[in-house]
PDB file of N, CA and C in Angstrom:
ATOM      1  N   UNK A   1     -10.445  13.760  13.937  1.00  0.00           N
ATOM      2  CA  UNK A   1     -10.183  13.024  12.674  1.00  0.00           C
ATOM      3  C   UNK A   1      -8.767  12.995  12.199  1.00  0.00           C
ATOM      4  N   UNK A   2      -8.208  14.255  12.407  1.00  0.00           N
ATOM      5  CA  UNK A   2      -6.797  14.455  11.944  1.00  0.00           C
ATOM      6  C   UNK A   2      -5.807  13.487  12.636  1.00  0.00           C
ATOM      7  N   UNK A   3      -6.096  13.177  13.948  1.00  0.00           N
ATOM      8  CA  UNK A   3      -5.113  12.199  14.572  1.00  0.00           C
ATOM      9  C   UNK A   3      -5.377  10.816  14.068  1.00  0.00           C
ATOM     10  N   UNK A   4      -6.552  10.503  13.795  1.00  0.00           N
ATOM     11  CA  UNK A   4      -6.933   9.079  13.196  1.00  0.00           C
ATOM     12  C   UNK A   4      -6.188   8.951  11.817  1.00  0.00           C
ATOM     13  N   UNK A   5      -6.301  10.071  11.007  1.00  0.00           N
ATOM     14  CA  UNK A   5      -5.634   9.963   9.816  1.00  0.00           C
ATOM     15  C   UNK A   5      -4.172   9.925   9.808  1.00  0.00           C
ATOM     16  N   UNK A   6      -3.532  10.588  10.796  1.00  0.00           N
ATOM     17  CA  UNK A   6      -2.146  10.489  10.979  1.00  0.00           C
ATOM     18  C   UNK A   6      -1.699   9.101  11.431  1.00  0.00           C
ATOM     19  N   UNK A   7      -2.388   8.564  12.393  1.00  0.00           N
ATOM     20  CA  UNK A   7      -2.097   7.176  12.812  1.00  0.00           C
ATOM     21  C   UNK A   7      -2.256   6.185  11.654  1.00  0.00           C
ATOM     22  N   UNK A   8      -3.262   6.328  10.850  1.00  0.00           N
ATOM     23  CA  UNK A   8      -3.400   5.501   9.666  1.00  0.00           C
ATOM     24  C   UNK A   8      -2.254   5.710   8.702  1.00  0.00           C
ATOM     25  N   UNK A   9      -2.002   6.892   8.491  1.00  0.00           N
ATOM     26  CA  UNK A   9      -0.885   7.209   7.413  1.00  0.00           C
ATOM     27  C   UNK A   9       0.478   6.688   7.940  1.00  0.00           C
ATOM     28  N   UNK A  10       0.831   6.744   9.126  1.00  0.00           N
ATOM     29  CA  UNK A  10       2.081   6.326   9.649  1.00  0.00           C
ATOM     30  C   UNK A  10       2.093   4.771   9.671  1.00  0.00           C
ATOM     31  N   UNK A  11       1.031   4.125  10.232  1.00  0.00           N
ATOM     32  CA  UNK A  11       0.991   2.704  10.182  1.00  0.00           C
ATOM     33  C   UNK A  11       0.981   2.075   8.805  1.00  0.00           C
ATOM     34  N   UNK A  12       0.149   2.670   7.990  1.00  0.00           N
ATOM     35  CA  UNK A  12       0.155   2.121   6.534  1.00  0.00           C
ATOM     36  C   UNK A  12       1.498   2.395   5.838  1.00  0.00           C
ATOM     37  N   UNK A  13       2.007   3.553   6.042  1.00  0.00           N
ATOM     38  CA  UNK A  13       3.315   3.901   5.411  1.00  0.00           C
ATOM     39  C   UNK A  13       4.367   2.921   5.837  1.00  0.00           C
ATOM     40  N   UNK A  14       4.456   2.628   7.099  1.00  0.00           N
ATOM     41  CA  UNK A  14       5.504   1.666   7.514  1.00  0.00           C
ATOM     42  C   UNK A  14       5.314   0.359   6.935  1.00  0.00           C
ATOM     43  N   UNK A  15       4.017  -0.134   7.040  1.00  0.00           N
ATOM     44  CA  UNK A  15       3.634  -1.407   6.457  1.00  0.00           C
ATOM     45  C   UNK A  15       4.075  -1.523   4.962  1.00  0.00           C
ATOM     46  N   UNK A  16       3.839  -0.463   4.180  1.00  0.00           N
ATOM     47  CA  UNK A  16       4.151  -0.518   2.701  1.00  0.00           C
ATOM     48  C   UNK A  16       5.577  -0.451   2.564  1.00  0.00           C
ATOM     49  N   UNK A  17       6.363   0.297   3.417  1.00  0.00           N
ATOM     50  CA  UNK A  17       7.758   0.484   3.311  1.00  0.00           C
ATOM     51  C   UNK A  17       8.441  -0.988   3.579  1.00  0.00           C
ATOM     52  N   UNK A  18       7.943  -1.628   4.638  1.00  0.00           N
ATOM     53  CA  UNK A  18       8.404  -2.993   4.935  1.00  0.00           C
ATOM     54  C   UNK A  18       8.005  -4.067   3.790  1.00  0.00           C
ATOM     55  N   UNK A  19       6.775  -3.983   3.390  1.00  0.00           N
ATOM     56  CA  UNK A  19       6.278  -5.032   2.290  1.00  0.00           C
ATOM     57  C   UNK A  19       7.040  -4.725   1.006  1.00  0.00           C
ATOM     58  N   UNK A  20       7.180  -3.482   0.677  1.00  0.00           N
ATOM     59  CA  UNK A  20       7.825  -3.165  -0.653  1.00  0.00           C
ATOM     60  C   UNK A  20       9.351  -3.493  -0.550  1.00  0.00           C
ATOM     61  N   UNK A  21       9.959  -3.114   0.568  1.00  0.00           N
ATOM     62  CA  UNK A  21      11.332  -3.411   0.781  1.00  0.00           C
ATOM     63  C   UNK A  21      11.679  -4.879   0.766  1.00  0.00           C
ATOM     64  N   UNK A  22      10.857  -5.664   1.332  1.00  0.00           N
ATOM     65  CA  UNK A  22      10.970  -7.195   1.366  1.00  0.00           C
ATOM     66  C   UNK A  22      11.016  -7.765  -0.005  1.00  0.00           C
ATOM     67  N   UNK A  23      10.272  -7.125  -0.955  1.00  0.00           N
ATOM     68  CA  UNK A  23      10.197  -7.596  -2.331  1.00  0.00           C
ATOM     69  C   UNK A  23      11.589  -7.534  -3.026  1.00  0.00           C
ATOM     70  N   UNK A  24      12.417  -6.512  -2.582  1.00  0.00           N
ATOM     71  CA  UNK A  24      13.763  -6.321  -3.075  1.00  0.00           C
ATOM     72  C   UNK A  24      14.796  -7.261  -2.286  1.00  0.00           C
ATOM     73  N   UNK A  25      14.509  -7.510  -1.109  1.00  0.00           N
ATOM     74  CA  UNK A  25      15.552  -8.134  -0.183  1.00  0.00           C
ATOM     75  C   UNK A  25      15.322  -9.613  -0.296  1.00  0.00           C
ATOM     76  N   UNK A  26      14.149 -10.215  -0.306  1.00  0.00           N
ATOM     77  CA  UNK A  26      13.886 -11.534  -0.238  1.00  0.00           C
ATOM     78  C   UNK A  26      14.092 -12.215  -1.638  1.00  0.00           C
ATOM     79  N   UNK A  27      14.765 -13.403  -1.710  1.00  0.00           N
ATOM     80  CA  UNK A  27      15.025 -14.111  -2.893  1.00  0.00           C
ATOM     81  C   UNK A  27      13.621 -14.483  -3.677  1.00  0.00           C
ATOM     82  N   UNK A  28      13.575 -14.231  -4.935  1.00  0.00           N
ATOM     83  CA  UNK A  28      12.398 -14.490  -5.653  1.00  0.00           C
ATOM     84  C   UNK A  28      11.838 -15.879  -5.472  1.00  0.00           C
ATOM     85  N   UNK A  29      12.685 -16.919  -5.413  1.00  0.00           N
ATOM     86  CA  UNK A  29      12.221 -18.275  -5.271  1.00  0.00           C
ATOM     87  C   UNK A  29      11.524 -18.465  -3.912  1.00  0.00           C
ATOM     88  N   UNK A  30      11.970 -17.782  -2.859  1.00  0.00           N
ATOM     89  CA  UNK A  30      11.352 -17.852  -1.568  1.00  0.00           C
ATOM     90  C   UNK A  30       9.907 -17.163  -1.646  1.00  0.00           C
ATOM     91  N   UNK A  31       9.847 -16.085  -2.353  1.00  0.00           N
ATOM     92  CA  UNK A  31       8.604 -15.394  -2.439  1.00  0.00           C
ATOM     93  C   UNK A  31       7.703 -16.157  -3.268  1.00  0.00           C
ATOM     94  N   UNK A  32       8.104 -16.781  -4.401  1.00  0.00           N
ATOM     95  CA  UNK A  32       7.341 -17.538  -5.285  1.00  0.00           C
ATOM     96  C   UNK A  32       6.656 -18.644  -4.559  1.00  0.00           C
ATOM     97  N   UNK A  33       7.342 -19.264  -3.606  1.00  0.00           N
ATOM     98  CA  UNK A  33       6.762 -20.458  -2.797  1.00  0.00           C
ATOM     99  C   UNK A  33       5.545 -20.001  -2.029  1.00  0.00           C
ATOM    100  N   UNK A  34       5.458 -18.786  -1.642  1.00  0.00           N
ATOM    101  CA  UNK A  34       4.299 -18.199  -0.889  1.00  0.00           C
ATOM    102  C   UNK A  34       3.214 -17.612  -1.695  1.00  0.00           C
ATOM    103  N   UNK A  35       3.315 -17.490  -3.083  1.00  0.00           N
ATOM    104  CA  UNK A  35       2.347 -16.856  -3.833  1.00  0.00           C
ATOM    105  C   UNK A  35       1.217 -17.778  -4.307  1.00  0.00           C
ATOM    106  N   UNK A  36      -0.023 -17.189  -4.174  1.00  0.00           N
ATOM    107  CA  UNK A  36      -1.154 -18.092  -4.664  1.00  0.00           C
ATOM    108  C   UNK A  36      -1.236 -18.004  -6.182  1.00  0.00           C
ATOM    109  N   UNK A  37      -0.793 -16.919  -6.799  1.00  0.00           N
ATOM    110  CA  UNK A  37      -0.663 -16.908  -8.289  1.00  0.00           C
ATOM    111  C   UNK A  37       0.746 -16.488  -8.528  1.00  0.00           C
ATOM    112  N   UNK A  38       1.387 -17.239  -9.397  1.00  0.00           N
ATOM    113  CA  UNK A  38       2.879 -16.921  -9.655  1.00  0.00           C
ATOM    114  C   UNK A  38       2.893 -15.612 -10.634  1.00  0.00           C
ATOM    115  N   UNK A  39       3.725 -14.631 -10.130  1.00  0.00           N
ATOM    116  CA  UNK A  39       3.865 -13.405 -10.862  1.00  0.00           C
ATOM    117  C   UNK A  39       5.309 -13.330 -11.290  1.00  0.00           C
ATOM    118  N   UNK A  40       5.486 -12.738 -12.512  1.00  0.00           N
ATOM    119  CA  UNK A  40       6.852 -12.609 -13.030  1.00  0.00           C
ATOM    120  C   UNK A  40       7.727 -11.780 -12.044  1.00  0.00           C
ATOM    121  N   UNK A  41       8.959 -12.048 -11.952  1.00  0.00           N
ATOM    122  CA  UNK A  41       9.853 -11.308 -11.041  1.00  0.00           C
ATOM    123  C   UNK A  41       9.837  -9.795 -11.399  1.00  0.00           C
ATOM    124  N   UNK A  42       9.875  -9.369 -12.500  1.00  0.00           N
ATOM    125  CA  UNK A  42       9.895  -7.870 -12.772  1.00  0.00           C
ATOM    126  C   UNK A  42       8.645  -7.232 -12.360  1.00  0.00           C
ATOM    127  N   UNK A  43       7.484  -7.980 -12.240  1.00  0.00           N
ATOM    128  CA  UNK A  43       6.225  -7.410 -11.798  1.00  0.00           C
ATOM    129  C   UNK A  43       6.301  -7.253 -10.305  1.00  0.00           C
ATOM    130  N   UNK A  44       6.829  -8.315  -9.620  1.00  0.00           N
ATOM    131  CA  UNK A  44       7.028  -8.276  -8.185  1.00  0.00           C
ATOM    132  C   UNK A  44       7.877  -7.067  -7.799  1.00  0.00           C
ATOM    133  N   UNK A  45       8.916  -6.803  -8.532  1.00  0.00           N
ATOM    134  CA  UNK A  45       9.786  -5.633  -8.194  1.00  0.00           C
ATOM    135  C   UNK A  45       9.044  -4.330  -8.458  1.00  0.00           C
ATOM    136  N   UNK A  46       8.300  -4.276  -9.547  1.00  0.00           N
ATOM    137  CA  UNK A  46       7.422  -3.109  -9.984  1.00  0.00           C
ATOM    138  C   UNK A  46       6.525  -2.815  -8.697  1.00  0.00           C
ATOM    139  N   UNK A  47       5.845  -3.819  -8.209  1.00  0.00           N
ATOM    140  CA  UNK A  47       4.922  -3.700  -7.064  1.00  0.00           C
ATOM    141  C   UNK A  47       5.655  -3.211  -5.830  1.00  0.00           C
ATOM    142  N   UNK A  48       6.880  -3.851  -5.573  1.00  0.00           N
ATOM    143  CA  UNK A  48       7.651  -3.445  -4.545  1.00  0.00           C
ATOM    144  C   UNK A  48       8.039  -1.919  -4.509  1.00  0.00           C
ATOM    145  N   UNK A  49       8.492  -1.400  -5.748  1.00  0.00           N
ATOM    146  CA  UNK A  49       8.778  -0.061  -5.909  1.00  0.00           C
ATOM    147  C   UNK A  49       7.575   0.832  -5.646  1.00  0.00           C
ATOM    148  N   UNK A  50       6.427   0.396  -6.147  1.00  0.00           N
ATOM    149  CA  UNK A  50       5.212   1.206  -5.973  1.00  0.00           C
ATOM    150  C   UNK A  50       4.803   1.260  -4.457  1.00  0.00           C
ATOM    151  N   UNK A  51       5.048   0.232  -3.747  1.00  0.00           N
ATOM    152  CA  UNK A  51       4.715   0.017  -2.313  1.00  0.00           C
ATOM    153  C   UNK A  51       5.665   1.029  -1.542  1.00  0.00           C
ATOM    154  N   UNK A  52       6.960   0.916  -1.834  1.00  0.00           N
ATOM    155  CA  UNK A  52       7.968   1.749  -1.147  1.00  0.00           C
ATOM    156  C   UNK A  52       7.653   3.168  -1.372  1.00  0.00           C
ATOM    157  N   UNK A  53       7.511   3.646  -2.664  1.00  0.00           N
ATOM    158  CA  UNK A  53       7.216   5.038  -3.067  1.00  0.00           C
ATOM    159  C   UNK A  53       5.861   5.504  -2.428  1.00  0.00           C
ATOM    160  N   UNK A  54       4.894   4.639  -2.459  1.00  0.00           N
ATOM    161  CA  UNK A  54       3.577   4.868  -1.927  1.00  0.00           C
ATOM    162  C   UNK A  54       3.619   5.077  -0.524  1.00  0.00           C
ATOM    163  N   UNK A  55       4.360   4.186   0.282  1.00  0.00           N
ATOM    164  CA  UNK A  55       4.566   4.346   1.721  1.00  0.00           C
ATOM    165  C   UNK A  55       5.186   5.590   2.164  1.00  0.00           C
ATOM    166  N   UNK A  56       6.124   6.007   1.319  1.00  0.00           N
ATOM    167  CA  UNK A  56       6.809   7.406   1.614  1.00  0.00           C
ATOM    168  C   UNK A  56       5.832   8.463   1.314  1.00  0.00           C
ATOM    169  N   UNK A  57       4.970   8.372   0.178  1.00  0.00           N
ATOM    170  CA  UNK A  57       4.027   9.316  -0.129  1.00  0.00           C
ATOM    171  C   UNK A  57       2.825   9.507   0.791  1.00  0.00           C
ATOM    172  N   UNK A  58       2.586   8.442   1.505  1.00  0.00           N
ATOM    173  CA  UNK A  58       1.476   8.511   2.570  1.00  0.00           C
ATOM    174  C   UNK A  58       1.787   9.352   3.740  1.00  0.00           C
ATOM    175  N   UNK A  59       3.213   9.608   3.952  1.00  0.00           N
ATOM    176  CA  UNK A  59       3.462  10.388   5.062  1.00  0.00           C
ATOM    177  C   UNK A  59       4.259  11.699   4.823  1.00  0.00           C
ATOM    178  N   UNK A  60       5.349  11.577   3.935  1.00  0.00           N
ATOM    179  CA  UNK A  60       6.260  12.751   3.767  1.00  0.00           C
ATOM    180  C   UNK A  60       5.635  13.935   3.185  1.00  0.00           C
ATOM    181  N   UNK A  61       4.849  13.955   2.130  1.00  0.00           N
ATOM    182  CA  UNK A  61       4.282  15.228   1.563  1.00  0.00           C
ATOM    183  C   UNK A  61       3.384  15.999   2.618  1.00  0.00           C
ATOM    184  N   UNK A  62       2.522  15.247   3.341  1.00  0.00           N
ATOM    185  CA  UNK A  62       1.721  15.898   4.334  1.00  0.00           C
ATOM    186  C   UNK A  62       2.498  16.428   5.581  1.00  0.00           C
ATOM    187  N   UNK A  63       3.449  15.504   5.940  1.00  0.00           N
ATOM    188  CA  UNK A  63       4.234  15.955   7.181  1.00  0.00           C
ATOM    189  C   UNK A  63       5.102  17.138   6.898  1.00  0.00           C
ATOM    190  N   UNK A  64       5.705  17.269   5.772  1.00  0.00           N
ATOM    191  CA  UNK A  64       6.647  18.370   5.326  1.00  0.00           C
ATOM    192  C   UNK A  64       5.912  19.470   4.813  1.00  0.00           C
ATOM    193  N   UNK A  65       4.683  19.338   4.417  1.00  0.00           N
ATOM    194  CA  UNK A  65       3.999  20.446   3.880  1.00  0.00           C
ATOM    195  C   UNK A  65       4.468  20.740   2.409  1.00  0.00           C
ATOM    196  N   UNK A  66       5.044  19.841   1.768  1.00  0.00           N
ATOM    197  CA  UNK A  66       5.576  19.978   0.445  1.00  0.00           C
ATOM    198  C   UNK A  66       4.664  19.187  -0.504  1.00  0.00           C
ATOM    199  N   UNK A  67       3.854  19.813  -1.266  1.00  0.00           N
ATOM    200  CA  UNK A  67       2.888  19.193  -2.192  1.00  0.00           C
ATOM    201  C   UNK A  67       2.069  18.251  -1.426  1.00  0.00           C
ATOM    202  N   UNK A  68       1.341  18.604  -0.422  1.00  0.00           N
ATOM    203  CA  UNK A  68       0.555  17.732   0.413  1.00  0.00           C
ATOM    204  C   UNK A  68      -0.578  16.944  -0.359  1.00  0.00           C
ATOM    205  N   UNK A  69      -0.962  17.435  -1.415  1.00  0.00           N
ATOM    206  CA  UNK A  69      -1.980  16.775  -2.248  1.00  0.00           C
ATOM    207  C   UNK A  69      -1.448  15.451  -2.820  1.00  0.00           C
ATOM    208  N   UNK A  70      -0.113  15.155  -2.727  1.00  0.00           N
ATOM    209  CA  UNK A  70       0.383  13.852  -3.120  1.00  0.00           C
ATOM    210  C   UNK A  70       0.018  12.750  -2.113  1.00  0.00           C
ATOM    211  N   UNK A  71      -0.296  13.107  -0.947  1.00  0.00           N
ATOM    212  CA  UNK A  71      -0.625  12.055   0.127  1.00  0.00           C
ATOM    213  C   UNK A  71      -1.882  11.384  -0.349  1.00  0.00           C
ATOM    214  N   UNK A  72      -3.037  12.079  -0.627  1.00  0.00           N
ATOM    215  CA  UNK A  72      -4.257  11.316  -0.988  1.00  0.00           C
ATOM    216  C   UNK A  72      -4.029  10.598  -2.342  1.00  0.00           C
ATOM    217  N   UNK A  73      -3.233  11.182  -3.198  1.00  0.00           N
ATOM    218  CA  UNK A  73      -2.951  10.560  -4.444  1.00  0.00           C
ATOM    219  C   UNK A  73      -2.214   9.197  -4.242  1.00  0.00           C
ATOM    220  N   UNK A  74      -1.270   9.225  -3.306  1.00  0.00           N
ATOM    221  CA  UNK A  74      -0.474   7.973  -2.998  1.00  0.00           C
ATOM    222  C   UNK A  74      -1.404   7.002  -2.386  1.00  0.00           C
ATOM    223  N   UNK A  75      -2.287   7.490  -1.578  1.00  0.00           N
ATOM    224  CA  UNK A  75      -3.200   6.487  -0.835  1.00  0.00           C
ATOM    225  C   UNK A  75      -4.101   5.929  -1.907  1.00  0.00           C
ATOM    226  N   UNK A  76      -4.610   6.770  -2.871  1.00  0.00           N
ATOM    227  CA  UNK A  76      -5.576   6.164  -3.871  1.00  0.00           C
ATOM    228  C   UNK A  76      -4.842   5.127  -4.834  1.00  0.00           C
ATOM    229  N   UNK A  77      -3.540   5.509  -5.161  1.00  0.00           N
ATOM    230  CA  UNK A  77      -2.787   4.627  -6.086  1.00  0.00           C
ATOM    231  C   UNK A  77      -2.471   3.333  -5.367  1.00  0.00           C
ATOM    232  N   UNK A  78      -2.126   3.344  -4.003  1.00  0.00           N
ATOM    233  CA  UNK A  78      -1.856   2.190  -3.305  1.00  0.00           C
ATOM    234  C   UNK A  78      -3.174   1.413  -3.142  1.00  0.00           C
ATOM    235  N   UNK A  79      -4.282   2.070  -3.095  1.00  0.00           N
ATOM    236  CA  UNK A  79      -5.590   1.310  -3.057  1.00  0.00           C
ATOM    237  C   UNK A  79      -5.797   0.493  -4.382  1.00  0.00           C
ATOM    238  N   UNK A  80      -5.400   1.052  -5.428  1.00  0.00           N
ATOM    239  CA  UNK A  80      -5.419   0.293  -6.812  1.00  0.00           C
ATOM    240  C   UNK A  80      -4.500  -0.975  -6.657  1.00  0.00           C
ATOM    241  N   UNK A  81      -3.269  -0.784  -6.118  1.00  0.00           N
ATOM    242  CA  UNK A  81      -2.390  -1.845  -5.941  1.00  0.00           C
ATOM    243  C   UNK A  81      -3.077  -2.966  -4.978  1.00  0.00           C
ATOM    244  N   UNK A  82      -3.707  -2.521  -3.911  1.00  0.00           N
ATOM    245  CA  UNK A  82      -4.307  -3.473  -3.061  1.00  0.00           C
ATOM    246  C   UNK A  82      -5.604  -4.098  -3.647  1.00  0.00           C
ATOM    247  N   UNK A  83      -6.281  -3.338  -4.618  1.00  0.00           N
ATOM    248  CA  UNK A  83      -7.394  -4.017  -5.356  1.00  0.00           C
ATOM    249  C   UNK A  83      -6.843  -5.219  -6.068  1.00  0.00           C
ATOM    250  N   UNK A  84      -5.779  -5.110  -6.616  1.00  0.00           N
ATOM    251  CA  UNK A  84      -5.101  -6.186  -7.391  1.00  0.00           C
ATOM    252  C   UNK A  84      -4.761  -7.273  -6.475  1.00  0.00           C
ATOM    253  N   UNK A  85      -4.212  -6.899  -5.259  1.00  0.00           N
ATOM    254  CA  UNK A  85      -3.946  -7.946  -4.220  1.00  0.00           C
ATOM    255  C   UNK A  85      -5.028  -8.702  -3.767  1.00  0.00           C
ATOM    256  N   UNK A  86      -6.165  -7.995  -3.531  1.00  0.00           N
ATOM    257  CA  UNK A  86      -7.475  -8.684  -3.270  1.00  0.00           C
ATOM    258  C   UNK A  86      -7.864  -9.757  -4.290  1.00  0.00           C
ATOM    259  N   UNK A  87      -7.679  -9.399  -5.498  1.00  0.00           N
ATOM    260  CA  UNK A  87      -8.078 -10.331  -6.611  1.00  0.00           C
ATOM    261  C   UNK A  87      -7.199 -11.508  -6.573  1.00  0.00           C
ATOM    262  N   UNK A  88      -5.811 -11.265  -6.575  1.00  0.00           N
ATOM    263  CA  UNK A  88      -4.813 -12.391  -6.541  1.00  0.00           C
ATOM    264  C   UNK A  88      -5.004 -13.172  -5.237  1.00  0.00           C
ATOM    265  N   UNK A  89      -5.240 -12.513  -4.087  1.00  0.00           N
ATOM    266  CA  UNK A  89      -5.322 -13.290  -2.919  1.00  0.00           C
ATOM    267  C   UNK A  89      -6.555 -14.229  -2.906  1.00  0.00           C
ATOM    268  N   UNK A  90      -7.564 -13.737  -3.521  1.00  0.00           N
ATOM    269  CA  UNK A  90      -8.758 -14.492  -3.452  1.00  0.00           C
ATOM    270  C   UNK A  90      -8.640 -15.883  -4.178  1.00  0.00           C
ATOM    271  N   UNK A  91      -7.631 -16.017  -5.073  1.00  0.00           N
ATOM    272  CA  UNK A  91      -7.380 -17.320  -5.669  1.00  0.00           C
ATOM    273  C   UNK A  91      -6.974 -18.310  -4.625  1.00  0.00           C
ATOM    274  N   UNK A  92      -6.455 -17.785  -3.473  1.00  0.00           N
ATOM    275  CA  UNK A  92      -6.080 -18.831  -2.349  1.00  0.00           C
ATOM    276  C   UNK A  92      -7.249 -19.033  -1.420  1.00  0.00           C
ATOM    277  N   UNK A  93      -8.378 -18.418  -1.746  1.00  0.00           N
ATOM    278  CA  UNK A  93      -9.643 -18.541  -0.754  1.00  0.00           C
ATOM    279  C   UNK A  93      -9.907 -17.083  -0.346  1.00  0.00           C
ATOM    280  N   UNK A  94     -11.243 -17.007  -0.105  1.00  0.00           N
ATOM    281  CA  UNK A  94     -11.827 -15.699   0.346  1.00  0.00           C
ATOM    282  C   UNK A  94     -11.084 -15.208   1.565  1.00  0.00           C
ATOM    283  N   UNK A  95     -10.812 -16.138   2.492  1.00  0.00           N
ATOM    284  CA  UNK A  95     -10.095 -15.728   3.753  1.00  0.00           C
ATOM    285  C   UNK A  95      -8.756 -15.046   3.554  1.00  0.00           C
ATOM    286  N   UNK A  96      -8.071 -15.482   2.445  1.00  0.00           N
ATOM    287  CA  UNK A  96      -6.846 -14.880   2.095  1.00  0.00           C
ATOM    288  C   UNK A  96      -7.010 -13.420   1.664  1.00  0.00           C
ATOM    289  N   UNK A  97      -8.189 -13.021   1.108  1.00  0.00           N
ATOM    290  CA  UNK A  97      -8.366 -11.662   0.621  1.00  0.00           C
ATOM    291  C   UNK A  97      -8.861 -10.765   1.621  1.00  0.00           C
ATOM    292  N   UNK A  98      -9.057 -11.159   2.847  1.00  0.00           N
ATOM    293  CA  UNK A  98      -9.708 -10.217   3.862  1.00  0.00           C
ATOM    294  C   UNK A  98      -8.688  -9.190   4.207  1.00  0.00           C
ATOM    295  N   UNK A  99      -7.367  -9.586   4.541  1.00  0.00           N
ATOM    296  CA  UNK A  99      -6.433  -8.593   4.910  1.00  0.00           C
ATOM    297  C   UNK A  99      -6.181  -7.460   3.866  1.00  0.00           C
ATOM    298  N   UNK A 100      -5.912  -7.914   2.692  1.00  0.00           N
ATOM    299  CA  UNK A 100      -5.657  -6.831   1.635  1.00  0.00           C
ATOM    300  C   UNK A 100      -6.963  -5.992   1.431  1.00  0.00           C
ATOM    301  N   UNK A 101      -8.172  -6.512   1.654  1.00  0.00           N
ATOM    302  CA  UNK A 101      -9.400  -5.687   1.549  1.00  0.00           C
ATOM    303  C   UNK A 101      -9.493  -4.796   2.686  1.00  0.00           C
ATOM    304  N   UNK A 102      -9.153  -5.166   3.860  1.00  0.00           N
ATOM    305  CA  UNK A 102      -9.125  -4.172   4.955  1.00  0.00           C
ATOM    306  C   UNK A 102      -8.176  -3.087   4.748  1.00  0.00           C
ATOM    307  N   UNK A 103      -6.954  -3.411   4.218  1.00  0.00           N
ATOM    308  CA  UNK A 103      -5.896  -2.406   3.952  1.00  0.00           C
ATOM    309  C   UNK A 103      -6.428  -1.437   2.834  1.00  0.00           C
ATOM    310  N   UNK A 104      -7.138  -2.021   1.916  1.00  0.00           N
ATOM    311  CA  UNK A 104      -7.761  -1.121   0.757  1.00  0.00           C
ATOM    312  C   UNK A 104      -8.742  -0.120   1.352  1.00  0.00           C
ATOM    313  N   UNK A 105      -9.627  -0.574   2.245  1.00  0.00           N
ATOM    314  CA  UNK A 105     -10.621   0.354   2.824  1.00  0.00           C
ATOM    315  C   UNK A 105      -9.861   1.421   3.640  1.00  0.00           C
ATOM    316  N   UNK A 106      -8.861   1.078   4.368  1.00  0.00           N
ATOM    317  CA  UNK A 106      -8.147   2.025   5.239  1.00  0.00           C
ATOM    318  C   UNK A 106      -7.436   3.137   4.269  1.00  0.00           C
ATOM    319  N   UNK A 107      -6.994   2.596   3.118  1.00  0.00           N
ATOM    320  CA  UNK A 107      -6.304   3.562   2.258  1.00  0.00           C
ATOM    321  C   UNK A 107      -7.307   4.540   1.744  1.00  0.00           C
ATOM    322  N   UNK A 108      -8.503   4.000   1.302  1.00  0.00           N
ATOM    323  CA  UNK A 108      -9.527   4.807   0.808  1.00  0.00           C
ATOM    324  C   UNK A 108      -9.980   5.901   1.906  1.00  0.00           C
ATOM    325  N   UNK A 109      -9.974   5.509   3.217  1.00  0.00           N
ATOM    326  CA  UNK A 109     -10.319   6.484   4.246  1.00  0.00           C
ATOM    327  C   UNK A 109      -9.255   7.508   4.198  1.00  0.00           C
ATOM    328  N   UNK A 110      -7.887   7.199   4.295  1.00  0.00           N
ATOM    329  CA  UNK A 110      -6.934   8.149   4.249  1.00  0.00           C
ATOM    330  C   UNK A 110      -7.003   9.050   2.945  1.00  0.00           C
ATOM    331  N   UNK A 111      -7.271   8.495   1.798  1.00  0.00           N
ATOM    332  CA  UNK A 111      -7.361   9.301   0.520  1.00  0.00           C
ATOM    333  C   UNK A 111      -8.514  10.286   0.629  1.00  0.00           C
ATOM    334  N   UNK A 112      -9.712   9.708   1.068  1.00  0.00           N
ATOM    335  CA  UNK A 112     -10.847  10.690   1.274  1.00  0.00           C
ATOM    336  C   UNK A 112     -10.558  11.756   2.331  1.00  0.00           C
ATOM    337  N   UNK A 113     -10.076  11.304   3.374  1.00  0.00           N
ATOM    338  CA  UNK A 113      -9.864  12.236   4.514  1.00  0.00           C
ATOM    339  C   UNK A 113      -8.810  13.326   4.161  1.00  0.00           C
ATOM    340  N   UNK A 114      -7.734  12.982   3.555  1.00  0.00           N
ATOM    341  CA  UNK A 114      -6.772  13.960   3.158  1.00  0.00           C
ATOM    342  C   UNK A 114      -7.035  14.791   1.964  1.00  0.00           C
ATOM    343  N   UNK A 115      -7.872  14.254   1.176  1.00  0.00           N
ATOM    344  CA  UNK A 115      -8.371  15.001   0.026  1.00  0.00           C
ATOM    345  C   UNK A 115      -9.267  16.253   0.389  1.00  0.00           C
ATOM    346  N   UNK A 116     -10.112  15.948   1.360  1.00  0.00           N
ATOM    347  CA  UNK A 116     -11.061  17.016   1.929  1.00  0.00           C
ATOM    348  C   UNK A 116     -10.423  17.764   3.016  1.00  0.00           C
ATOM    349  N   UNK A 117      -9.292  17.441   3.530  1.00  0.00           N
ATOM    350  CA  UNK A 117      -8.748  18.259   4.640  1.00  0.00           C
ATOM    351  C   UNK A 117      -7.802  19.386   4.150  1.00  0.00           C
ATOM    352  N   UNK A 118      -7.971  20.478   4.662  1.00  0.00           N
ATOM    353  CA  UNK A 118      -7.130  21.646   4.266  1.00  0.00           C
ATOM    354  C   UNK A 118      -5.723  21.448   4.898  1.00  0.00           C
ATOM    355  N   UNK A 119      -4.751  21.848   4.125  1.00  0.00           N
ATOM    356  CA  UNK A 119      -3.346  21.778   4.550  1.00  0.00           C
ATOM    357  C   UNK A 119      -3.130  22.619   5.797  1.00  0.00           C
TER     358      UNK A 119
END
């Protein structure tokens, strides 16, 4: 199970680093064209910061052994972000909400797995 959790942590961490970083690098007008629900620019930047920090939090605390309980907390908080993404994506149709829902479930697997695993 430890190997599965590590694979999930690294893949999800990279995904959130990329997704969050792109919110800072991509022009807002370009992002807005792809949104199902228009969100204010400051909120998009807030979500981007949460995704970058959460992506780092999925891997670094557990890998470095420094405050490893931050890893399941980061996973749980990213799951909250993804719950919002599921709701917002559902406005574009149920099919649009499937990917964020799968990511939400995977984050909950990491949160539960790392919360119950000894460091």
